[in-house]
Amino acid sequence: MKVREFGEAIDRAVAAAMAADERIVVFGEDVPMIRRQLLVQFGPDRVFAAPISESAFLGAAVGAALGGLVPIVEIMLVDFLGVALSALLNEAAKIEAFSGGSWRVPMVVRATCGGGYGDGGQHEQALWGLLGGIAGLTVVVPSTPSDAAGLMASAVGHGGPVVFLEHKLLSQAWLETMGGAGRPLVDFDVPPAGAYGEVADPPAAVPIGRARVVRSGDAVTIVSVGVGVHRSLEAAGQLADDGIEAAVVDLRTVAPLDRATIHAQARSTGRVLVVDEDYVGFGLSGEISAVIAEAGIPVRFGRVATETVIPYARRLEQEVLPNVERIRLAVRRLLG
């Protein structure tokens, strides 16, 4: 086991998969620059740039997957999927069902997501709720280097379309970019535990659709994903100083959801708080409440989510996005 940075852990998982399977290719925006180690190792026939036309190269990836390759497609920001959504919504996610299983689309769409650094509502969205609502699409959102590497290993071998989302505040490269270029360093409100961690080499695959209870507690269950897991753990630690023991669940996968773990934790504590950086309406937090209600589990339910379009101004942005203080206050409201 070695300590790896979040993005490095993912790249090493991709490299291990490419070494084992010559069908895997990596292409997308600025790939030769941001994945230069993969380029050096595997050459320009398997690691290459695409024109900055997301709809064109995501559509090409669907065709490549149908033609026998396993493309890993790089979209710099998940927000940019808005101009290429048809390739996922109407093609990649539907082909297996429409063909009765005769055709599959083994591809991974790798994109960064998330805000908290002052880049505005067109560059800081999460959107995993939107993507998770597309039938036939798998959506994973790791929170640690180990899980990131393991989920990438599983995504490449999944055999169907997977959207792999990396929160920018967990990436050292992104933190350096966001804090540089003449921009003064800002407080990102993220505990440091997620950016570095021990990772097996080669990485151990993490099963898709299986959540993890990362902290035990009997007063309330906090359910989150990505950076929200670390904010939830920070809030749980502060609440413990006041005698409130909160459990924290890392979903790891948005679609499919680990219903069994959600049910078990809801029954255990009787109080559930969802911390979700995605939009509050018609998204992940509402789906989790439905999963609990459909099982007939009586709980007090709350959510801390992104309420509206993310503002550019840092002060306003901090009020809109989930943070440690909002989580602490929401837990206290649930406890009455």
C-alpha atoms as a PDB file:
ATOM      1  CA  MET A   1       0.000   0.000   0.000  1.00  0.00           C
ATOM      2  CA  LYS A   2       1.304   3.444  -0.943  1.00  0.00           C
ATOM      3  CA  VAL A   3      -0.069   6.888  -0.223  1.00  0.00           C
ATOM      4  CA  ARG A   4      -1.446   8.327  -3.463  1.00  0.00           C
ATOM      5  CA  GLU A   5      -3.022  11.607  -4.468  1.00  0.00           C
ATOM      6  CA  PHE A   6      -6.653  11.359  -5.608  1.00  0.00           C
ATOM      7  CA  GLY A   7      -6.080  12.005  -9.310  1.00  0.00           C
ATOM      8  CA  GLU A   8      -2.882   9.975  -9.351  1.00  0.00           C
ATOM      9  CA  ALA A   9      -4.740   6.974  -7.937  1.00  0.00           C
ATOM     10  CA  ILE A  10      -7.270   7.140 -10.773  1.00  0.00           C
ATOM     11  CA  ASP A  11      -4.574   7.483 -13.425  1.00  0.00           C
ATOM     12  CA  ARG A  12      -2.724   4.457 -12.075  1.00  0.00           C
ATOM     13  CA  ALA A  13      -5.943   2.444 -12.169  1.00  0.00           C
ATOM     14  CA  VAL A  14      -6.434   3.484 -15.788  1.00  0.00           C
ATOM     15  CA  ALA A  15      -2.839   2.537 -16.603  1.00  0.00           C
ATOM     16  CA  ALA A  16      -3.238  -0.897 -15.024  1.00  0.00           C
ATOM     17  CA  ALA A  17      -6.422  -1.484 -17.021  1.00  0.00           C
ATOM     18  CA  MET A  18      -4.785  -0.334 -20.271  1.00  0.00           C
ATOM     19  CA  ALA A  19      -1.803  -2.613 -19.719  1.00  0.00           C
ATOM     20  CA  ALA A  20      -4.163  -5.564 -19.285  1.00  0.00           C
ATOM     21  CA  ASP A  21      -6.544  -4.738 -22.155  1.00  0.00           C
ATOM     22  CA  GLU A  22      -5.388  -3.302 -25.490  1.00  0.00           C
ATOM     23  CA  ARG A  23      -8.942  -2.313 -26.407  1.00  0.00           C
ATOM     24  CA  ILE A  24      -8.905   0.563 -23.895  1.00  0.00           C
ATOM     25  CA  VAL A  25      -8.263   4.006 -25.374  1.00  0.00           C
ATOM     26  CA  VAL A  26      -8.304   7.434 -23.699  1.00  0.00           C
ATOM     27  CA  PHE A  27      -9.313  10.582 -25.533  1.00  0.00           C
ATOM     28  CA  GLY A  28     -10.952  13.928 -24.952  1.00  0.00           C
ATOM     29  CA  GLU A  29     -10.195  17.518 -24.059  1.00  0.00           C
ATOM     30  CA  ASP A  30      -6.489  18.282 -23.504  1.00  0.00           C
ATOM     31  CA  VAL A  31      -5.775  14.605 -22.850  1.00  0.00           C
ATOM     32  CA  PRO A  32      -2.121  14.604 -24.047  1.00  0.00           C
ATOM     33  CA  MET A  33      -1.376  17.362 -21.543  1.00  0.00           C
ATOM     34  CA  ILE A  34      -3.358  16.247 -18.497  1.00  0.00           C
ATOM     35  CA  ARG A  35      -2.666  12.516 -19.016  1.00  0.00           C
ATOM     36  CA  ARG A  36       0.880  12.848 -20.297  1.00  0.00           C
ATOM     37  CA  GLN A  37       2.124   9.898 -18.247  1.00  0.00           C
ATOM     38  CA  LEU A  38      -0.440   7.679 -19.970  1.00  0.00           C
ATOM     39  CA  LEU A  39       0.622   9.165 -23.306  1.00  0.00           C
ATOM     40  CA  VAL A  40       4.277   8.322 -22.631  1.00  0.00           C
ATOM     41  CA  GLN A  41       3.400   4.797 -21.537  1.00  0.00           C
ATOM     42  CA  PHE A  42       0.878   3.859 -24.221  1.00  0.00           C
ATOM     43  CA  GLY A  43       1.529   6.222 -27.122  1.00  0.00           C
ATOM     44  CA  PRO A  44      -0.617   8.531 -29.269  1.00  0.00           C
ATOM     45  CA  ASP A  45      -2.642   5.724 -30.839  1.00  0.00           C
ATOM     46  CA  ARG A  46      -4.275   5.000 -27.482  1.00  0.00           C
ATOM     47  CA  VAL A  47      -4.047   8.372 -25.703  1.00  0.00           C
ATOM     48  CA  PHE A  48      -4.985  11.378 -27.806  1.00  0.00           C
ATOM     49  CA  ALA A  49      -6.786  14.704 -27.914  1.00  0.00           C
ATOM     50  CA  ALA A  50     -10.176  15.302 -29.440  1.00  0.00           C
ATOM     51  CA  PRO A  51     -11.500  18.543 -30.921  1.00  0.00           C
ATOM     52  CA  ILE A  52     -13.302  20.679 -28.358  1.00  0.00           C
ATOM     53  CA  SER A  53     -16.717  19.467 -29.460  1.00  0.00           C
ATOM     54  CA  GLU A  54     -18.173  17.330 -26.699  1.00  0.00           C
ATOM     55  CA  SER A  55     -21.126  16.173 -28.769  1.00  0.00           C
ATOM     56  CA  ALA A  56     -18.786  15.002 -31.554  1.00  0.00           C
ATOM     57  CA  PHE A  57     -16.277  13.021 -29.516  1.00  0.00           C
ATOM     58  CA  LEU A  58     -18.806  11.588 -27.054  1.00  0.00           C
ATOM     59  CA  GLY A  59     -20.815  10.357 -30.013  1.00  0.00           C
ATOM     60  CA  ALA A  60     -17.615   8.938 -31.494  1.00  0.00           C
ATOM     61  CA  ALA A  61     -16.985   7.125 -28.216  1.00  0.00           C
ATOM     62  CA  VAL A  62     -20.356   5.386 -28.455  1.00  0.00           C
ATOM     63  CA  GLY A  63     -19.460   4.197 -31.950  1.00  0.00           C
ATOM     64  CA  ALA A  64     -16.006   3.104 -30.808  1.00  0.00           C
ATOM     65  CA  ALA A  65     -17.530   1.077 -27.970  1.00  0.00           C
ATOM     66  CA  LEU A  66     -19.952  -0.606 -30.361  1.00  0.00           C
ATOM     67  CA  GLY A  67     -17.007  -1.309 -32.662  1.00  0.00           C
ATOM     68  CA  GLY A  68     -15.051  -3.248 -30.047  1.00  0.00           C
ATOM     69  CA  LEU A  69     -13.024  -0.655 -28.166  1.00  0.00           C
ATOM     70  CA  VAL A  70     -13.384   0.392 -24.525  1.00  0.00           C
ATOM     71  CA  PRO A  71     -13.085   4.194 -24.597  1.00  0.00           C
ATOM     72  CA  ILE A  72     -12.406   6.331 -21.543  1.00  0.00           C
ATOM     73  CA  VAL A  73     -13.654   9.737 -22.613  1.00  0.00           C
ATOM     74  CA  GLU A  74     -12.452  12.873 -20.839  1.00  0.00           C
ATOM     75  CA  ILE A  75     -14.914  15.748 -20.354  1.00  0.00           C
ATOM     76  CA  MET A  76     -13.103  18.492 -18.485  1.00  0.00           C
ATOM     77  CA  LEU A  77     -16.174  19.631 -16.522  1.00  0.00           C
ATOM     78  CA  VAL A  78     -19.420  17.708 -16.048  1.00  0.00           C
ATOM     79  CA  ASP A  79     -21.269  20.943 -16.899  1.00  0.00           C
ATOM     80  CA  PHE A  80     -20.103  20.504 -20.498  1.00  0.00           C
ATOM     81  CA  LEU A  81     -22.121  17.294 -20.825  1.00  0.00           C
ATOM     82  CA  GLY A  82     -25.058  19.601 -21.387  1.00  0.00           C
ATOM     83  CA  VAL A  83     -24.019  20.056 -25.020  1.00  0.00           C
ATOM     84  CA  ALA A  84     -23.497  16.295 -25.532  1.00  0.00           C
ATOM     85  CA  LEU A  85     -26.249  14.743 -23.453  1.00  0.00           C
ATOM     86  CA  SER A  86     -27.940  12.997 -26.349  1.00  0.00           C
ATOM     87  CA  ALA A  87     -25.023  10.583 -26.721  1.00  0.00           C
ATOM     88  CA  LEU A  88     -25.629   9.407 -23.143  1.00  0.00           C
ATOM     89  CA  LEU A  89     -29.386   9.871 -22.810  1.00  0.00           C
ATOM     90  CA  ASN A  90     -30.539   8.508 -26.154  1.00  0.00           C
ATOM     91  CA  GLU A  91     -27.685   6.290 -27.298  1.00  0.00           C
ATOM     92  CA  ALA A  92     -25.233   4.798 -24.777  1.00  0.00           C
ATOM     93  CA  ALA A  93     -27.825   4.258 -22.041  1.00  0.00           C
ATOM     94  CA  LYS A  94     -30.461   2.716 -24.336  1.00  0.00           C
ATOM     95  CA  ILE A  95     -28.685   0.445 -26.796  1.00  0.00           C
ATOM     96  CA  GLU A  96     -28.430  -2.630 -24.564  1.00  0.00           C
ATOM     97  CA  ALA A  97     -32.133  -2.526 -23.711  1.00  0.00           C
ATOM     98  CA  PHE A  98     -33.199  -1.825 -27.292  1.00  0.00           C
ATOM     99  CA  SER A  99     -31.079  -4.684 -28.644  1.00  0.00           C
ATOM    100  CA  GLY A 100     -32.249  -7.192 -26.043  1.00  0.00           C
ATOM    101  CA  GLY A 101     -28.706  -7.429 -24.712  1.00  0.00           C
ATOM    102  CA  SER A 102     -27.140  -8.165 -28.100  1.00  0.00           C
ATOM    103  CA  TRP A 103     -25.218  -4.862 -28.076  1.00  0.00           C
ATOM    104  CA  ARG A 104     -23.484  -3.187 -25.174  1.00  0.00           C
ATOM    105  CA  VAL A 105     -21.642   0.124 -24.840  1.00  0.00           C
ATOM    106  CA  PRO A 106     -18.551  -0.420 -22.645  1.00  0.00           C
ATOM    107  CA  MET A 107     -17.365   3.143 -22.112  1.00  0.00           C
ATOM    108  CA  VAL A 108     -16.383   5.414 -19.223  1.00  0.00           C
ATOM    109  CA  VAL A 109     -17.034   9.147 -19.246  1.00  0.00           C
ATOM    110  CA  ARG A 110     -14.550  10.748 -16.858  1.00  0.00           C
ATOM    111  CA  ALA A 111     -15.388  14.273 -15.734  1.00  0.00           C
ATOM    112  CA  THR A 112     -14.702  16.637 -12.870  1.00  0.00           C
ATOM    113  CA  CYS A 113     -17.541  18.125 -10.865  1.00  0.00           C
ATOM    114  CA  GLY A 114     -18.330  20.308  -7.884  1.00  0.00           C
ATOM    115  CA  GLY A 115     -17.803  23.813  -6.608  1.00  0.00           C
ATOM    116  CA  GLY A 116     -16.582  25.750  -3.645  1.00  0.00           C
ATOM    117  CA  TYR A 117     -13.795  27.740  -5.279  1.00  0.00           C
ATOM    118  CA  GLY A 118     -15.518  30.660  -7.001  1.00  0.00           C
ATOM    119  CA  ASP A 119     -16.011  29.586 -10.618  1.00  0.00           C
ATOM    120  CA  GLY A 120     -19.721  30.177 -11.031  1.00  0.00           C
ATOM    121  CA  GLY A 121     -22.770  28.108 -11.872  1.00  0.00           C
ATOM    122  CA  GLN A 122     -21.648  26.991 -15.333  1.00  0.00           C
ATOM    123  CA  HIS A 123     -18.464  25.317 -14.058  1.00  0.00           C
ATOM    124  CA  GLU A 124     -19.247  24.091 -10.523  1.00  0.00           C
ATOM    125  CA  GLN A 125     -22.303  21.875 -10.804  1.00  0.00           C
ATOM    126  CA  ALA A 126     -22.504  18.301  -9.507  1.00  0.00           C
ATOM    127  CA  LEU A 127     -25.263  16.972 -11.807  1.00  0.00           C
ATOM    128  CA  TRP A 128     -25.051  13.383 -10.549  1.00  0.00           C
ATOM    129  CA  GLY A 129     -28.780  13.505  -9.817  1.00  0.00           C
ATOM    130  CA  LEU A 130     -29.559  14.429 -13.412  1.00  0.00           C
ATOM    131  CA  LEU A 131     -27.257  11.704 -14.739  1.00  0.00           C
ATOM    132  CA  GLY A 132     -28.407   9.133 -12.187  1.00  0.00           C
ATOM    133  CA  GLY A 133     -31.959   9.578 -13.418  1.00  0.00           C
ATOM    134  CA  ILE A 134     -31.060   8.221 -16.868  1.00  0.00           C
ATOM    135  CA  ALA A 135     -32.096   4.572 -17.078  1.00  0.00           C
ATOM    136  CA  GLY A 136     -29.220   2.373 -18.228  1.00  0.00           C
ATOM    137  CA  LEU A 137     -26.487   4.734 -17.019  1.00  0.00           C
ATOM    138  CA  THR A 138     -24.166   3.992 -14.086  1.00  0.00           C
ATOM    139  CA  VAL A 139     -22.874   6.969 -12.067  1.00  0.00           C
ATOM    140  CA  VAL A 140     -20.039   6.746  -9.527  1.00  0.00           C
ATOM    141  CA  VAL A 141     -18.662   9.502  -7.275  1.00  0.00           C
ATOM    142  CA  PRO A 142     -15.682   8.421  -5.123  1.00  0.00           C
ATOM    143  CA  SER A 143     -14.524  10.306  -2.029  1.00  0.00           C
ATOM    144  CA  THR A 144     -11.081   8.770  -1.346  1.00  0.00           C
ATOM    145  CA  PRO A 145      -8.084   7.792  -3.501  1.00  0.00           C
ATOM    146  CA  SER A 146      -8.583   4.113  -2.687  1.00  0.00           C
ATOM    147  CA  ASP A 147     -12.236   4.160  -3.700  1.00  0.00           C
ATOM    148  CA  ALA A 148     -11.447   6.294  -6.746  1.00  0.00           C
ATOM    149  CA  ALA A 149      -8.915   3.759  -8.018  1.00  0.00           C
ATOM    150  CA  GLY A 150     -11.119   0.792  -7.170  1.00  0.00           C
ATOM    151  CA  LEU A 151     -14.223   2.272  -8.764  1.00  0.00           C
ATOM    152  CA  MET A 152     -12.303   3.143 -11.922  1.00  0.00           C
ATOM    153  CA  ALA A 153     -11.099  -0.452 -12.118  1.00  0.00           C
ATOM    154  CA  SER A 154     -14.715  -1.613 -11.841  1.00  0.00           C
ATOM    155  CA  ALA A 155     -15.995   1.024 -14.263  1.00  0.00           C
ATOM    156  CA  VAL A 156     -13.593  -0.043 -17.024  1.00  0.00           C
ATOM    157  CA  GLY A 157     -14.680  -3.649 -16.620  1.00  0.00           C
ATOM    158  CA  HIS A 158     -18.373  -2.895 -16.199  1.00  0.00           C
ATOM    159  CA  GLY A 159     -19.362  -3.539 -19.790  1.00  0.00           C
ATOM    160  CA  GLY A 160     -21.815  -0.648 -19.988  1.00  0.00           C
ATOM    161  CA  PRO A 161     -21.776   3.146 -19.938  1.00  0.00           C
ATOM    162  CA  VAL A 162     -20.396   4.616 -16.697  1.00  0.00           C
ATOM    163  CA  VAL A 163     -20.047   8.273 -15.738  1.00  0.00           C
ATOM    164  CA  PHE A 164     -17.090   8.646 -13.364  1.00  0.00           C
ATOM    165  CA  LEU A 165     -17.194  11.945 -11.474  1.00  0.00           C
ATOM    166  CA  GLU A 166     -14.212  13.433  -9.612  1.00  0.00           C
ATOM    167  CA  HIS A 167     -14.799  16.336  -7.273  1.00  0.00           C
ATOM    168  CA  LYS A 168     -12.291  19.072  -8.067  1.00  0.00           C
ATOM    169  CA  LEU A 169     -11.629  19.873  -4.406  1.00  0.00           C
ATOM    170  CA  LEU A 170     -10.151  16.383  -3.963  1.00  0.00           C
ATOM    171  CA  SER A 171      -7.643  16.858  -6.792  1.00  0.00           C
ATOM    172  CA  GLN A 172      -4.280  18.440  -6.027  1.00  0.00           C
ATOM    173  CA  ALA A 173      -3.852  19.499  -9.647  1.00  0.00           C
ATOM    174  CA  TRP A 174      -7.164  21.318  -9.605  1.00  0.00           C
ATOM    175  CA  LEU A 175      -6.458  22.904  -6.226  1.00  0.00           C
ATOM    176  CA  GLU A 176      -3.174  24.266  -7.562  1.00  0.00           C
ATOM    177  CA  THR A 177      -4.903  25.571 -10.675  1.00  0.00           C
ATOM    178  CA  MET A 178      -7.728  27.172  -8.717  1.00  0.00           C
ATOM    179  CA  GLY A 179      -5.329  28.764  -6.258  1.00  0.00           C
ATOM    180  CA  GLY A 180      -2.910  30.004  -8.888  1.00  0.00           C
ATOM    181  CA  ALA A 181      -3.068  32.013 -12.097  1.00  0.00           C
ATOM    182  CA  GLY A 182      -3.182  35.276 -10.166  1.00  0.00           C
ATOM    183  CA  ARG A 183      -6.097  34.147  -8.018  1.00  0.00           C
ATOM    184  CA  PRO A 184      -5.467  34.481  -4.267  1.00  0.00           C
ATOM    185  CA  LEU A 185      -5.707  31.268  -2.306  1.00  0.00           C
ATOM    186  CA  VAL A 186      -9.147  30.702  -0.808  1.00  0.00           C
ATOM    187  CA  ASP A 187     -10.526  28.571   1.992  1.00  0.00           C
ATOM    188  CA  PHE A 188     -12.056  25.580   0.234  1.00  0.00           C
ATOM    189  CA  ASP A 189     -13.918  24.339   3.352  1.00  0.00           C
ATOM    190  CA  VAL A 190     -12.786  20.770   2.757  1.00  0.00           C
ATOM    191  CA  PRO A 191     -11.046  18.632   5.370  1.00  0.00           C
ATOM    192  CA  PRO A 192      -7.824  17.239   3.834  1.00  0.00           C
ATOM    193  CA  ALA A 193      -8.477  13.524   4.395  1.00  0.00           C
ATOM    194  CA  GLY A 194      -9.820  12.837   0.895  1.00  0.00           C
ATOM    195  CA  ALA A 195      -7.000  14.237  -1.213  1.00  0.00           C
ATOM    196  CA  TYR A 196      -4.417  11.625  -0.163  1.00  0.00           C
ATOM    197  CA  GLY A 197      -4.728   8.051   1.055  1.00  0.00           C
ATOM    198  CA  GLU A 198      -3.342   4.537   0.874  1.00  0.00           C
ATOM    199  CA  VAL A 199      -4.020   2.711  -2.382  1.00  0.00           C
ATOM    200  CA  ALA A 200      -3.210  -0.874  -3.292  1.00  0.00           C
ATOM    201  CA  ASP A 201      -1.040  -1.407  -6.378  1.00  0.00           C
ATOM    202  CA  PRO A 202      -2.678  -2.685  -8.501  1.00  0.00           C
ATOM    203  CA  PRO A 203      -5.889  -1.228  -7.040  1.00  0.00           C
ATOM    204  CA  ALA A 204      -8.483  -3.541  -5.601  1.00  0.00           C
ATOM    205  CA  ALA A 205     -11.776  -3.242  -7.465  1.00  0.00           C
ATOM    206  CA  VAL A 206     -14.586  -1.599  -5.495  1.00  0.00           C
ATOM    207  CA  PRO A 207     -18.001  -3.078  -6.334  1.00  0.00           C
ATOM    208  CA  ILE A 208     -20.325  -0.672  -8.090  1.00  0.00           C
ATOM    209  CA  GLY A 209     -23.527  -0.068  -6.159  1.00  0.00           C
ATOM    210  CA  ARG A 210     -22.170  -0.760  -2.685  1.00  0.00           C
ATOM    211  CA  ALA A 211     -22.076   2.027  -0.095  1.00  0.00           C
ATOM    212  CA  ARG A 212     -19.762   2.152   2.914  1.00  0.00           C
ATOM    213  CA  VAL A 213     -20.488   3.141   6.503  1.00  0.00           C
ATOM    214  CA  VAL A 214     -17.458   5.286   7.318  1.00  0.00           C
ATOM    215  CA  ARG A 215     -18.517   6.322  10.814  1.00  0.00           C
ATOM    216  CA  SER A 216     -20.827   4.636  13.316  1.00  0.00           C
ATOM    217  CA  GLY A 217     -23.395   6.438  15.422  1.00  0.00           C
ATOM    218  CA  ASP A 218     -26.833   5.990  16.928  1.00  0.00           C
ATOM    219  CA  ALA A 219     -28.312   9.503  16.922  1.00  0.00           C
ATOM    220  CA  VAL A 220     -28.622  10.231  13.203  1.00  0.00           C
ATOM    221  CA  THR A 221     -27.394   8.904   9.849  1.00  0.00           C
ATOM    222  CA  ILE A 222     -25.745  11.372   7.460  1.00  0.00           C
ATOM    223  CA  VAL A 223     -25.717  10.119   3.864  1.00  0.00           C
ATOM    224  CA  SER A 224     -23.458  11.776   1.321  1.00  0.00           C
ATOM    225  CA  VAL A 225     -21.101  11.361  -1.605  1.00  0.00           C
ATOM    226  CA  GLY A 226     -17.816  12.898  -2.814  1.00  0.00           C
ATOM    227  CA  VAL A 227     -16.598  15.927  -0.864  1.00  0.00           C
ATOM    228  CA  GLY A 228     -19.835  15.860   1.121  1.00  0.00           C
ATOM    229  CA  VAL A 229     -18.582  12.748   2.908  1.00  0.00           C
ATOM    230  CA  HIS A 230     -15.604  14.652   4.334  1.00  0.00           C
ATOM    231  CA  ARG A 231     -17.718  17.626   5.345  1.00  0.00           C
ATOM    232  CA  SER A 232     -20.139  15.216   7.012  1.00  0.00           C
ATOM    233  CA  LEU A 233     -17.319  13.523   8.909  1.00  0.00           C
ATOM    234  CA  GLU A 234     -16.029  16.899  10.059  1.00  0.00           C
ATOM    235  CA  ALA A 235     -19.492  17.884  11.252  1.00  0.00           C
ATOM    236  CA  ALA A 236     -19.967  14.508  12.961  1.00  0.00           C
ATOM    237  CA  GLY A 237     -16.707  15.008  14.844  1.00  0.00           C
ATOM    238  CA  GLN A 238     -17.854  18.406  16.087  1.00  0.00           C
ATOM    239  CA  LEU A 239     -21.254  17.023  17.072  1.00  0.00           C
ATOM    240  CA  ALA A 240     -19.566  14.222  19.014  1.00  0.00           C
ATOM    241  CA  ASP A 241     -17.977  16.858  21.249  1.00  0.00           C
ATOM    242  CA  ASP A 242     -21.526  17.671  22.349  1.00  0.00           C
ATOM    243  CA  GLY A 243     -22.471  14.028  22.880  1.00  0.00           C
ATOM    244  CA  ILE A 244     -24.242  13.536  19.540  1.00  0.00           C
ATOM    245  CA  GLU A 245     -23.003  10.442  17.726  1.00  0.00           C
ATOM    246  CA  ALA A 246     -23.735  10.617  13.997  1.00  0.00           C
ATOM    247  CA  ALA A 247     -23.215   7.773  11.545  1.00  0.00           C
ATOM    248  CA  VAL A 248     -21.866   8.726   8.112  1.00  0.00           C
ATOM    249  CA  VAL A 249     -22.576   6.730   4.945  1.00  0.00           C
ATOM    250  CA  ASP A 250     -20.510   7.196   1.780  1.00  0.00           C
ATOM    251  CA  LEU A 251     -22.747   6.133  -1.105  1.00  0.00           C
ATOM    252  CA  ARG A 252     -19.822   5.886  -3.556  1.00  0.00           C
ATOM    253  CA  THR A 253     -22.339   5.093  -6.311  1.00  0.00           C
ATOM    254  CA  VAL A 254     -25.321   7.279  -7.173  1.00  0.00           C
ATOM    255  CA  ALA A 255     -26.754   4.876  -9.741  1.00  0.00           C
ATOM    256  CA  PRO A 256     -27.400   2.208  -8.731  1.00  0.00           C
ATOM    257  CA  LEU A 257     -28.088   3.157  -5.123  1.00  0.00           C
ATOM    258  CA  ASP A 258     -27.239   0.765  -2.313  1.00  0.00           C
ATOM    259  CA  ARG A 259     -30.782   0.506  -0.981  1.00  0.00           C
ATOM    260  CA  ALA A 260     -29.926  -2.172   1.571  1.00  0.00           C
ATOM    261  CA  THR A 261     -27.397   0.019   3.381  1.00  0.00           C
ATOM    262  CA  ILE A 262     -29.719   3.020   3.292  1.00  0.00           C
ATOM    263  CA  HIS A 263     -32.560   0.919   4.736  1.00  0.00           C
ATOM    264  CA  ALA A 264     -30.370  -0.569   7.461  1.00  0.00           C
ATOM    265  CA  GLN A 265     -29.053   2.797   8.601  1.00  0.00           C
ATOM    266  CA  ALA A 266     -32.489   4.419   8.516  1.00  0.00           C
ATOM    267  CA  ARG A 267     -33.860   1.656  10.729  1.00  0.00           C
ATOM    268  CA  SER A 268     -30.858   1.887  13.045  1.00  0.00           C
ATOM    269  CA  THR A 269     -31.017   5.610  13.852  1.00  0.00           C
ATOM    270  CA  GLY A 270     -34.521   6.690  12.840  1.00  0.00           C
ATOM    271  CA  ARG A 271     -33.114   9.996  11.558  1.00  0.00           C
ATOM    272  CA  VAL A 272     -31.568  10.542   8.120  1.00  0.00           C
ATOM    273  CA  LEU A 273     -29.862  13.647   6.762  1.00  0.00           C
ATOM    274  CA  VAL A 274     -28.748  13.708   3.118  1.00  0.00           C
ATOM    275  CA  VAL A 275     -25.830  16.023   2.313  1.00  0.00           C
ATOM    276  CA  ASP A 276     -25.915  16.578  -1.429  1.00  0.00           C
ATOM    277  CA  GLU A 277     -23.969  19.158  -3.428  1.00  0.00           C
ATOM    278  CA  ASP A 278     -26.373  18.639  -6.313  1.00  0.00           C
ATOM    279  CA  TYR A 279     -29.594  20.612  -6.644  1.00  0.00           C
ATOM    280  CA  VAL A 280     -32.224  19.992  -3.985  1.00  0.00           C
ATOM    281  CA  GLY A 281     -35.151  19.577  -6.389  1.00  0.00           C
ATOM    282  CA  PHE A 282     -35.834  16.309  -8.226  1.00  0.00           C
ATOM    283  CA  GLY A 283     -32.432  14.814  -7.382  1.00  0.00           C
ATOM    284  CA  LEU A 284     -30.468  12.415  -5.186  1.00  0.00           C
ATOM    285  CA  SER A 285     -31.807  13.647  -1.841  1.00  0.00           C
ATOM    286  CA  GLY A 286     -35.419  13.202  -2.933  1.00  0.00           C
ATOM    287  CA  GLU A 287     -34.654   9.745  -4.343  1.00  0.00           C
ATOM    288  CA  ILE A 288     -33.171   8.632  -1.034  1.00  0.00           C
ATOM    289  CA  SER A 289     -36.257   9.842   0.824  1.00  0.00           C
ATOM    290  CA  ALA A 290     -38.401   7.818  -1.590  1.00  0.00           C
ATOM    291  CA  VAL A 291     -36.240   4.717  -1.122  1.00  0.00           C
ATOM    292  CA  ILE A 292     -36.793   4.956   2.640  1.00  0.00           C
ATOM    293  CA  ALA A 293     -40.508   5.726   2.389  1.00  0.00           C
ATOM    294  CA  GLU A 294     -41.184   2.881  -0.036  1.00  0.00           C
ATOM    295  CA  ALA A 295     -39.663   0.464   2.481  1.00  0.00           C
ATOM    296  CA  GLY A 296     -42.100   1.714   5.129  1.00  0.00           C
ATOM    297  CA  ILE A 297     -39.336   2.881   7.463  1.00  0.00           C
ATOM    298  CA  PRO A 298     -40.464   5.683   9.800  1.00  0.00           C
ATOM    299  CA  VAL A 299     -37.759   8.354   9.997  1.00  0.00           C
ATOM    300  CA  ARG A 300     -37.242  12.030  10.566  1.00  0.00           C
ATOM    301  CA  PHE A 301     -35.711  13.214   7.299  1.00  0.00           C
ATOM    302  CA  GLY A 302     -33.700  16.275   6.338  1.00  0.00           C
ATOM    303  CA  ARG A 303     -31.379  17.410   3.595  1.00  0.00           C
ATOM    304  CA  VAL A 304     -28.609  19.916   3.015  1.00  0.00           C
ATOM    305  CA  ALA A 305     -28.258  20.535  -0.699  1.00  0.00           C
ATOM    306  CA  THR A 306     -27.601  23.198  -3.299  1.00  0.00           C
ATOM    307  CA  GLU A 307     -30.691  25.370  -3.285  1.00  0.00           C
ATOM    308  CA  THR A 308     -30.316  27.395  -6.478  1.00  0.00           C
ATOM    309  CA  VAL A 309     -27.970  28.408  -9.296  1.00  0.00           C
ATOM    310  CA  ILE A 310     -24.459  28.639  -7.836  1.00  0.00           C
ATOM    311  CA  PRO A 311     -23.386  32.287  -7.591  1.00  0.00           C
ATOM    312  CA  TYR A 312     -19.958  33.479  -8.645  1.00  0.00           C
ATOM    313  CA  ALA A 313     -19.357  35.658  -5.573  1.00  0.00           C
ATOM    314  CA  ARG A 314     -17.541  33.631  -2.924  1.00  0.00           C
ATOM    315  CA  ARG A 315     -19.680  34.770  -0.002  1.00  0.00           C
ATOM    316  CA  LEU A 316     -22.913  33.938  -1.811  1.00  0.00           C
ATOM    317  CA  GLU A 317     -21.478  30.660  -3.086  1.00  0.00           C
ATOM    318  CA  GLN A 318     -20.693  29.554   0.474  1.00  0.00           C
ATOM    319  CA  GLU A 319     -24.283  30.206   1.488  1.00  0.00           C
ATOM    320  CA  VAL A 320     -25.670  28.108  -1.374  1.00  0.00           C
ATOM    321  CA  LEU A 321     -23.408  25.032  -1.251  1.00  0.00           C
ATOM    322  CA  PRO A 322     -23.434  22.501   1.620  1.00  0.00           C
ATOM    323  CA  ASN A 323     -20.848  23.212   4.295  1.00  0.00           C
ATOM    324  CA  VAL A 324     -19.943  21.932   7.747  1.00  0.00           C
ATOM    325  CA  GLU A 325     -21.975  24.547   9.598  1.00  0.00           C
ATOM    326  CA  ARG A 326     -25.129  23.863   7.571  1.00  0.00           C
ATOM    327  CA  ILE A 327     -24.741  20.141   8.278  1.00  0.00           C
ATOM    328  CA  ARG A 328     -24.353  20.694  12.030  1.00  0.00           C
ATOM    329  CA  LEU A 329     -27.435  22.923  12.168  1.00  0.00           C
ATOM    330  CA  ALA A 330     -29.493  20.452  10.120  1.00  0.00           C
ATOM    331  CA  VAL A 331     -28.585  17.596  12.468  1.00  0.00           C
ATOM    332  CA  ARG A 332     -29.656  19.663  15.471  1.00  0.00           C
ATOM    333  CA  ARG A 333     -32.991  20.428  13.803  1.00  0.00           C
ATOM    334  CA  LEU A 334     -33.558  16.703  13.225  1.00  0.00           C
ATOM    335  CA  LEU A 335     -32.833  16.052  16.888  1.00  0.00           C
ATOM    336  CA  GLY A 336     -35.369  18.682  17.875  1.00  0.00           C
END
